[in-house]
Protein backbone atom coordinates (compact mmCIF):
# COMPACT_ATOMS: atom_id res chain seq x y z
CA MET A 1 112.45 -25.87 74.80
CA LEU A 2 110.50 -26.04 78.07
CA ALA A 3 108.88 -23.01 79.68
CA SER A 4 106.89 -23.45 82.88
CA ALA A 5 105.16 -21.42 85.55
CA ALA A 6 104.96 -23.03 89.00
CA SER A 7 103.37 -26.43 88.29
CA GLU A 8 102.13 -25.65 84.78
CA ILE A 9 104.01 -26.32 81.56
CA ARG A 10 103.34 -23.36 79.26
CA ALA A 11 105.46 -24.27 76.22
CA ALA A 12 107.11 -27.55 75.27
CA THR A 13 107.06 -30.48 72.90
CA LEU A 14 105.61 -33.75 74.17
CA THR A 15 106.78 -36.93 72.47
CA CYS A 16 105.08 -40.30 72.81
CA SER A 17 107.59 -42.86 74.05
CA ASN A 18 105.65 -45.61 72.25
CA CYS A 19 105.19 -44.25 68.68
CA GLY A 20 107.44 -41.18 68.64
CA GLU A 21 104.58 -38.77 67.73
CA ALA A 22 105.49 -35.24 68.84
CA ARG A 23 102.92 -32.60 69.85
CA ALA A 24 103.46 -28.96 70.74
CA VAL A 25 102.38 -27.31 73.97
CA ALA A 26 101.58 -23.59 73.56
CA GLY A 27 100.04 -21.41 76.25
CA GLY A 28 99.70 -24.49 78.45
CA ILE A 29 97.54 -26.34 75.89
CA VAL A 30 98.68 -29.49 74.08
CA ASP A 31 97.79 -29.55 70.38
CA LEU A 32 96.24 -33.00 70.04
CA MET A 33 94.43 -32.33 66.77
CA PRO A 34 95.39 -34.85 64.12
CA VAL A 35 97.49 -33.50 61.25
CA GLU A 36 94.66 -34.42 58.87
CA VAL A 37 91.41 -33.13 60.35
CA PRO A 38 88.67 -35.80 60.31
CA ALA A 39 85.61 -35.10 58.16
CA PHE A 40 83.29 -35.02 61.19
CA VAL A 41 85.39 -32.23 62.75
CA GLU A 42 85.24 -30.23 59.51
CA ALA A 43 81.44 -30.73 59.37
CA GLU A 44 80.99 -29.66 63.01
CA SER A 45 83.13 -26.58 62.44
CA ALA A 46 81.10 -25.62 59.36
CA GLY A 47 77.85 -26.12 61.29
CA LEU A 48 79.06 -23.90 64.12
CA GLU A 49 80.03 -21.21 61.63
CA ARG A 50 76.55 -21.35 60.04
CA PHE A 51 75.03 -21.05 63.52
CA ALA A 52 77.24 -18.04 64.29
CA GLU A 53 76.22 -16.40 61.00
CA THR A 54 72.55 -16.92 61.85
CA MET A 55 73.02 -15.39 65.29
CA ARG A 56 74.87 -12.38 63.85
CA ALA A 57 72.06 -11.92 61.31
CA ASP A 58 69.59 -11.97 64.22
CA GLY A 59 71.49 -9.10 65.87
CA TRP A 60 73.56 -11.03 68.37
CA THR A 61 76.89 -9.50 69.34
CA ARG A 62 79.79 -10.80 71.39
CA GLU A 63 78.45 -8.84 74.35
CA SER A 64 74.95 -10.30 74.09
CA VAL A 65 76.35 -13.84 73.84
CA LEU A 66 78.43 -13.22 76.96
CA GLU A 67 75.20 -12.38 78.84
CA LEU A 68 74.15 -16.02 78.50
CA PRO A 69 72.83 -17.92 80.36
CA GLY A 70 71.40 -14.98 82.30
CA ARG A 71 69.85 -13.23 79.32
CA TYR A 72 66.06 -13.15 79.57
CA ASP A 73 65.42 -13.94 75.95
CA GLY A 74 62.84 -16.63 75.15
CA TYR A 75 64.61 -19.76 73.97
CA TRP A 76 67.85 -19.07 75.81
CA TRP A 77 66.05 -18.34 79.10
CA ALA A 78 64.15 -21.64 78.73
CA GLN A 79 67.49 -23.41 78.21
CA ARG A 80 68.79 -21.88 81.43
CA VAL A 81 65.71 -22.95 83.41
CA SER A 82 65.87 -26.47 81.95
CA MET A 83 69.56 -26.80 82.84
CA GLU A 84 68.96 -25.53 86.39
CA GLN A 85 66.13 -28.06 86.85
CA THR A 86 68.33 -30.85 85.51
CA LEU A 87 71.17 -29.92 87.86
CA MET A 88 68.78 -29.75 90.83
CA GLN A 89 67.52 -33.26 90.00
CA LEU A 90 71.04 -34.60 89.70
CA SER A 91 72.21 -33.08 92.97
CA SER A 92 69.31 -34.41 95.05
């Protein structure tokens, strides 16, 4: 099955001509995740979930997260300023 919109493939199955591995395309995104998830991916996922739990416990909501990087809120504001300074240095 192949569904496309203009120049974008939205749904399909891609098959490697070398090894025969097949991967699904859904919503225009190819699923390249290995069948068996590597341990480092599991660990990163668990760490991100712990971070999200900490933020929720600190009162963060989806809406407040979406305010970033413009939210004037201590640490996060400092991150914004640091990133802007870095980008200015890189562009000059």
